[in-house]
Protein backbone atom coordinates (compact mmCIF):
# COMPACT_ATOMS: atom_id res chain seq x y z
CA UNK A 1 -138.53 42.58 17.75
CA UNK A 2 -137.80 39.33 15.93
CA UNK A 3 -140.72 37.15 17.01
CA UNK A 4 -139.60 34.19 14.91
CA UNK A 5 -136.33 34.18 16.84
CA UNK A 6 -138.19 34.42 20.15
CA UNK A 7 -140.52 31.53 19.31
CA UNK A 8 -137.62 29.51 17.93
CA UNK A 9 -135.53 29.94 21.09
CA UNK A 10 -138.52 29.07 23.27
CA UNK A 11 -139.42 25.96 21.24
CA UNK A 12 -135.80 24.79 21.18
CA UNK A 13 -135.59 25.05 24.96
CA UNK A 14 -138.99 23.39 25.42
CA UNK A 15 -137.76 20.24 23.69
CA UNK A 16 -134.18 20.41 24.91
CA UNK A 17 -132.28 18.35 27.49
CA UNK A 18 -133.11 20.66 30.40
CA UNK A 19 -136.84 20.21 29.80
CA UNK A 20 -136.35 16.43 29.93
CA UNK A 21 -134.42 16.76 33.21
CA UNK A 22 -137.19 18.86 34.76
CA UNK A 23 -139.74 16.34 33.50
CA UNK A 24 -137.89 13.53 35.30
CA UNK A 25 -137.86 15.59 38.49
CA UNK A 26 -141.60 16.24 38.11
CA UNK A 27 -142.45 12.59 37.36
CA UNK A 28 -140.88 11.51 40.65
CA UNK A 29 -142.63 14.34 42.48
CA UNK A 30 -145.90 13.39 40.82
CA UNK A 31 -145.67 9.95 42.42
CA UNK A 32 -145.04 11.58 45.81
CA UNK A 33 -147.43 14.51 45.68
CA UNK A 34 -149.95 13.67 42.99
CA UNK A 35 -150.59 9.99 43.67
CA UNK A 36 -149.53 9.47 47.31
CA UNK A 37 -150.28 12.86 48.83
CA UNK A 38 -146.76 13.44 50.21
CA UNK A 39 -145.84 17.11 50.39
CA UNK A 40 -142.21 16.57 49.42
CA UNK A 41 -140.49 19.95 49.16
CA UNK A 42 -137.03 18.40 48.97
CA UNK A 43 -137.15 16.56 45.64
CA UNK A 44 -134.06 18.46 44.55
CA UNK A 45 -132.15 16.55 47.23
CA UNK A 46 -132.63 13.34 45.25
CA UNK A 47 -131.52 15.18 42.12
CA UNK A 48 -128.38 16.38 43.93
CA UNK A 49 -127.51 12.86 45.08
CA UNK A 50 -128.01 11.51 41.57
CA UNK A 51 -125.64 14.11 40.15
CA UNK A 52 -123.00 13.83 42.87
CA UNK A 53 -123.18 10.03 42.93
CA UNK A 54 -122.00 9.80 39.34
CA UNK A 55 -119.74 12.84 39.74
CA UNK A 56 -117.87 11.44 42.73
CA UNK A 57 -117.56 8.01 41.09
CA UNK A 58 -116.11 9.43 37.86
CA UNK A 59 -114.13 12.51 38.91
CA UNK A 60 -113.07 11.71 42.48
CA UNK A 61 -112.66 7.94 42.41
CA UNK A 62 -111.77 7.51 38.75
CA UNK A 63 -114.49 4.94 38.07
CA UNK A 64 -116.64 4.64 34.97
CA UNK A 65 -120.07 6.10 34.37
CA UNK A 66 -121.51 2.59 34.69
CA UNK A 67 -120.25 2.38 38.25
CA UNK A 68 -121.55 5.86 39.05
CA UNK A 69 -125.15 5.22 38.00
CA UNK A 70 -125.75 2.40 40.56
CA UNK A 71 -124.05 4.57 43.20
CA UNK A 72 -126.44 7.43 42.43
CA UNK A 73 -129.44 5.09 42.71
CA UNK A 74 -128.15 3.62 45.98
CA UNK A 75 -127.65 7.10 47.47
CA UNK A 76 -131.22 8.06 46.51
CA UNK A 77 -132.59 4.89 48.15
CA UNK A 78 -130.58 5.46 51.34
CA UNK A 79 -131.65 9.11 51.49
CA UNK A 80 -135.30 8.10 51.05
CA UNK A 81 -135.05 5.68 53.97
CA UNK A 82 -133.18 8.14 56.20
CA UNK A 83 -135.71 10.84 55.33
CA UNK A 84 -138.81 8.68 55.52
CA UNK A 85 -138.23 6.60 58.65
CA UNK A 86 -138.58 9.50 61.11
CA UNK A 87 -140.90 11.74 59.06
CA UNK A 88 -143.54 9.75 57.17
CA UNK A 89 -145.73 9.62 60.26
CA UNK A 90 -145.66 13.41 60.58
CA UNK A 91 -148.47 15.67 59.48
CA UNK A 92 -148.26 16.92 55.89
CA UNK A 93 -146.99 20.43 56.71
CA UNK A 94 -144.31 19.12 59.09
CA UNK A 95 -143.20 16.61 56.45
CA UNK A 96 -142.85 19.46 53.94
CA UNK A 97 -140.66 21.46 56.33
CA UNK A 98 -138.40 18.49 57.07
CA UNK A 99 -137.92 17.58 53.40
CA UNK A 100 -136.91 21.06 52.29
CA UNK A 101 -134.54 21.29 55.25
CA UNK A 102 -133.00 17.90 54.45
CA UNK A 103 -132.35 18.90 50.84
CA UNK A 104 -130.70 22.13 51.96
CA UNK A 105 -128.52 20.23 54.46
CA UNK A 106 -127.32 18.01 51.63
CA UNK A 107 -126.50 21.04 49.50
CA UNK A 108 -124.56 22.81 52.23
CA UNK A 109 -122.64 19.65 53.10
CA UNK A 110 -121.76 19.05 49.43
CA UNK A 111 -120.45 22.60 48.99
CA UNK A 112 -118.64 22.84 52.32
CA UNK A 113 -114.88 23.22 52.39
CA UNK A 114 -114.46 20.05 54.44
CA UNK A 115 -116.01 18.04 51.58
CA UNK A 116 -113.68 19.45 48.91
CA UNK A 117 -111.69 16.21 48.53
CA UNK A 118 -114.90 14.28 47.84
CA UNK A 119 -117.39 16.63 46.18
CA UNK A 120 -115.15 19.50 45.12
CA UNK A 121 -116.71 21.71 47.79
CA UNK A 122 -117.65 25.16 46.46
CA UNK A 123 -115.82 24.43 43.19
CA UNK A 124 -117.76 21.27 42.32
CA UNK A 125 -116.64 18.45 40.05
CA UNK A 126 -115.61 18.68 36.41
CA UNK A 127 -115.35 16.46 33.33
CA UNK A 128 -117.97 13.99 34.53
CA UNK A 129 -119.53 13.16 31.16
CA UNK A 130 -116.63 11.80 29.07
CA UNK A 131 -117.95 8.22 29.10
CA UNK A 132 -121.36 9.54 28.09
CA UNK A 133 -119.91 11.58 25.24
CA UNK A 134 -117.99 8.53 24.01
CA UNK A 135 -121.31 6.74 23.51
CA UNK A 136 -122.68 9.50 21.28
CA UNK A 137 -123.70 7.96 17.93
CA UNK A 138 -124.34 11.37 16.33
CA UNK A 139 -121.40 12.70 14.34
CA UNK A 140 -123.14 16.01 13.68
CA UNK A 141 -125.89 18.06 15.24
CA UNK A 142 -129.44 18.81 14.15
CA UNK A 143 -130.28 22.01 12.29
CA UNK A 144 -133.78 22.62 10.97
CA UNK A 145 -135.13 26.13 11.03
CA UNK A 146 -134.85 27.44 14.59
CA UNK A 147 -134.25 23.97 15.99
CA UNK A 148 -130.49 23.81 16.31
CA UNK A 149 -128.74 21.31 18.57
CA UNK A 150 -125.11 20.30 18.66
CA UNK A 151 -124.26 16.59 18.50
CA UNK A 152 -123.78 16.48 22.28
CA UNK A 153 -127.08 18.30 22.92
CA UNK A 154 -128.90 16.00 20.49
CA UNK A 155 -127.61 12.90 22.26
CA UNK A 156 -128.57 14.27 25.69
CA UNK A 157 -131.99 15.22 24.32
CA UNK A 158 -132.65 11.74 22.93
CA UNK A 159 -131.44 9.91 26.04
CA UNK A 160 -133.26 12.32 28.36
CA UNK A 161 -136.63 12.00 26.64
CA UNK A 162 -136.23 8.22 26.37
CA UNK A 163 -135.77 8.14 30.13
CA UNK A 164 -138.83 10.35 30.53
CA UNK A 165 -140.86 7.93 28.43
CA UNK A 166 -139.65 4.89 30.37
CA UNK A 167 -140.30 6.50 33.77
CA UNK A 168 -143.74 7.67 32.66
CA UNK A 169 -144.62 4.15 31.52
CA UNK A 170 -143.29 2.70 34.80
CA UNK A 171 -145.38 5.07 36.92
CA UNK A 172 -148.43 4.50 34.71
CA UNK A 173 -148.18 0.72 35.16
CA UNK A 174 -147.58 1.03 38.90
CA UNK A 175 -150.57 3.28 39.44
CA UNK A 176 -152.81 0.95 37.41
CA UNK A 177 -151.70 -2.02 39.53
CA UNK A 178 -153.11 -3.09 42.93
CA UNK A 179 -150.14 -1.31 44.52
CA UNK A 180 -151.19 1.92 42.83
CA UNK A 181 -154.77 1.58 44.02
CA UNK A 182 -153.51 1.31 47.60
CA UNK A 183 -151.30 4.36 47.09
CA UNK A 184 -154.24 6.42 45.86
CA UNK A 185 -156.42 5.22 48.70
CA UNK A 186 -153.75 6.43 51.14
CA UNK A 187 -153.87 9.83 49.48
CA UNK A 188 -157.65 9.88 49.81
CA UNK A 189 -157.83 8.77 53.45
CA UNK A 190 -154.99 6.88 55.06
CA UNK A 191 -157.08 6.01 58.12
CA UNK A 192 -159.46 4.03 55.92
CA UNK A 193 -156.53 2.29 54.20
CA UNK A 194 -155.06 1.42 57.61
CA UNK A 195 -158.39 0.08 58.84
CA UNK A 196 -158.42 -2.30 55.86
CA UNK A 197 -155.12 -3.79 57.02
CA UNK A 198 -152.79 -1.91 54.70
CA UNK A 199 -149.33 -0.96 55.94
CA UNK A 200 -149.64 2.75 55.21
CA UNK A 201 -146.12 3.57 56.38
CA UNK A 202 -144.62 0.85 54.17
CA UNK A 203 -146.50 1.98 51.08
CA UNK A 204 -145.51 5.60 51.66
CA UNK A 205 -141.87 4.54 52.00
CA UNK A 206 -142.04 2.59 48.75
CA UNK A 207 -143.49 5.60 46.96
CA UNK A 208 -140.81 7.86 48.44
CA UNK A 209 -138.06 5.51 47.27
CA UNK A 210 -139.38 5.05 43.73
CA UNK A 211 -140.10 8.75 43.18
CA UNK A 212 -136.72 9.64 44.67
CA UNK A 213 -134.87 7.30 42.32
CA UNK A 214 -136.67 8.88 39.34
CA UNK A 215 -135.59 12.29 40.63
CA UNK A 216 -132.03 10.96 40.94
CA UNK A 217 -132.11 10.05 37.25
CA UNK A 218 -132.79 13.72 36.60
CA UNK A 219 -129.60 14.51 38.52
CA UNK A 220 -127.66 11.87 36.59
CA UNK A 221 -128.77 13.42 33.30
CA UNK A 222 -127.87 16.87 34.62
CA UNK A 223 -124.32 15.73 35.43
CA UNK A 224 -123.85 13.94 32.10
CA UNK A 225 -125.34 16.78 30.05
CA UNK A 226 -123.40 19.61 31.68
CA UNK A 227 -120.33 17.40 32.34
CA UNK A 228 -120.00 19.04 35.74
CA UNK A 229 -121.62 19.06 39.15
CA UNK A 230 -121.85 22.02 41.50
CA UNK A 231 -123.95 22.09 44.66
CA UNK A 232 -125.18 25.61 43.90
CA UNK A 233 -127.10 24.23 40.90
CA UNK A 234 -129.48 22.39 43.24
CA UNK A 235 -131.33 25.23 44.91
CA UNK A 236 -134.82 24.76 46.45
CA UNK A 237 -136.30 26.56 43.45
CA UNK A 238 -135.71 23.40 41.38
CA UNK A 239 -138.32 21.63 43.51
CA UNK A 240 -140.70 24.55 43.11
CA UNK A 241 -140.15 24.42 39.35
CA UNK A 242 -141.26 20.78 39.50
CA UNK A 243 -144.38 21.77 41.46
CA UNK A 244 -145.10 24.48 38.87
CA UNK A 245 -144.78 21.89 36.12
CA UNK A 246 -147.28 19.63 37.89
CA UNK A 247 -149.72 22.49 38.42
CA UNK A 248 -149.51 23.47 34.75
CA UNK A 249 -149.75 19.96 33.33
CA UNK A 250 -151.94 18.43 35.99
CA UNK A 251 -150.95 16.43 39.07
CA UNK A 252 -151.81 12.72 39.28
CA UNK A 253 -151.88 12.39 35.50
CA UNK A 254 -149.40 10.47 33.33
CA UNK A 255 -148.81 13.26 30.80
CA UNK A 256 -148.96 16.18 33.23
CA UNK A 257 -145.22 16.26 34.06
CA UNK A 258 -144.20 15.98 30.40
CA UNK A 259 -146.53 18.63 28.99
CA UNK A 260 -145.96 20.85 32.03
CA UNK A 261 -142.17 20.69 31.56
CA UNK A 262 -142.45 21.59 27.87
CA UNK A 263 -144.77 24.54 28.57
CA UNK A 264 -142.70 25.73 31.53
CA UNK A 265 -139.48 25.78 29.49
CA UNK A 266 -141.23 27.43 26.56
CA UNK A 267 -142.54 30.25 28.76
CA UNK A 268 -139.30 30.68 30.70
CA UNK A 269 -136.98 30.66 27.67
CA UNK A 270 -139.41 32.75 25.58
CA UNK A 271 -139.70 35.44 28.23
CA UNK A 272 -135.92 35.62 28.58
CA UNK A 273 -135.57 35.98 24.80
CA UNK A 274 -138.15 38.80 24.77
CA UNK A 275 -136.37 40.61 27.61
CA UNK A 276 -132.99 40.16 25.93
CA UNK A 277 -134.26 41.81 22.74
CA UNK A 278 -135.87 44.63 24.70
CA UNK A 279 -132.59 45.14 26.54
CA UNK A 280 -130.58 45.15 23.30
CA UNK A 281 -132.89 47.85 21.91
CA UNK A 282 -132.60 49.93 25.09
CA UNK A 283 -136.31 49.60 25.88
CA UNK A 284 -135.86 48.36 29.45
CA UNK A 285 -135.38 50.63 32.47
CA UNK A 286 -131.97 50.52 34.05
CA UNK A 287 -132.95 48.37 37.02
CA UNK A 288 -134.08 45.58 34.66
CA UNK A 289 -130.88 45.44 32.63
CA UNK A 290 -128.51 42.47 32.89
CA UNK A 291 -128.94 38.70 32.97
CA UNK A 292 -129.77 38.53 36.67
CA UNK A 293 -132.63 41.04 36.41
CA UNK A 294 -133.98 39.34 33.30
CA UNK A 295 -133.91 35.97 35.05
CA UNK A 296 -135.83 37.39 38.01
CA UNK A 297 -138.43 38.97 35.71
CA UNK A 298 -138.85 35.67 33.85
CA UNK A 299 -139.51 33.93 37.15
CA UNK A 300 -142.05 36.62 38.01
CA UNK A 301 -143.83 35.96 34.71
CA UNK A 302 -143.90 32.22 35.43
CA UNK A 303 -145.30 33.04 38.88
CA UNK A 304 -148.04 35.18 37.32
CA UNK A 305 -149.03 32.38 34.96
CA UNK A 306 -149.01 29.95 37.87
CA UNK A 307 -151.29 32.24 39.87
CA UNK A 308 -153.68 32.48 36.93
CA UNK A 309 -153.67 28.68 36.56
CA UNK A 310 -154.48 28.24 40.24
CA UNK A 311 -157.28 30.80 39.99
CA UNK A 312 -158.97 29.60 36.80
CA UNK A 313 -157.86 25.97 36.29
CA UNK A 314 -156.24 24.64 39.47
CA UNK A 315 -156.36 21.06 38.19
CA UNK A 316 -153.99 21.89 35.33
CA UNK A 317 -154.35 20.96 31.67
CA UNK A 318 -154.94 17.23 32.07
CA UNK A 319 -155.95 16.98 35.72
CA UNK A 320 -159.27 17.19 37.50
CA UNK A 321 -160.25 18.86 40.75
CA UNK A 322 -160.88 15.60 42.56
CA UNK A 323 -157.30 14.45 42.01
CA UNK A 324 -155.78 17.59 43.55
CA UNK A 325 -158.07 17.77 46.58
CA UNK A 326 -155.49 16.23 48.88
CA UNK A 327 -156.14 15.61 52.52
CA UNK A 328 -159.83 14.99 51.95
């Protein structure tokens, strides 16, 4: 096997646009789960609204990207309020069930035949990223060793990681502020925070909104990078990928989502490259041949690594056990 090619493919994916998108999703989830203690299993719903907000604005209504971005943010805010008003007073496990159900409802509505005129239904929306491509200052791509990106990929990579940096700094400043101290006290014991006169419901709603908007930016970058939006891209596993990223990097830490996203993509892309070479050489049994089987085996490998992390270092790379002991 060509190990240099395997490592090169894995490293290229670990620093690529998709890793930045997953990092944005995880940063928003980190505010919900890591800092506030909200078991949000529907973060992909915010990502879907971010992608479809800009997709509908550009492809369906013929507006510019600059009109679509505020629409995506507004949809994320509205969804956070509609989701949070009836559910934020529920127990953690009930809240988790409602959030994953809400995200799935959004996906099924977006891909339904009755929504074809608006969202493209099962066919999705196309040619969403033309305005974004027109802003690309790079006339050529980047090619150094195994790191090869086209001009479009390079632009998406730069913009995506800049957004990751800005969102990380925003969350860092918020958590270091008096607002952040209240949020963490709610995670520790919301009854104590309530007894001190804090509006626990209001603070939870604010956290849900801010983290949801950050997740929506992940959806915006997805739409602009792929130049298309399809509801089937926003499966529940995207949220579980974000949780895996937090567990690897460390929840309730500023760098956890970033490092976790890089490691997750490195492992996932590297395992797929290994399996592809084994398949090309005929070293895989028949039931593991094909892209679908290789994808499933890569997910199994990520699951194994996740299980090992939970067993031997549950706090992740940067975290500590006190930060992840939610509900205490």
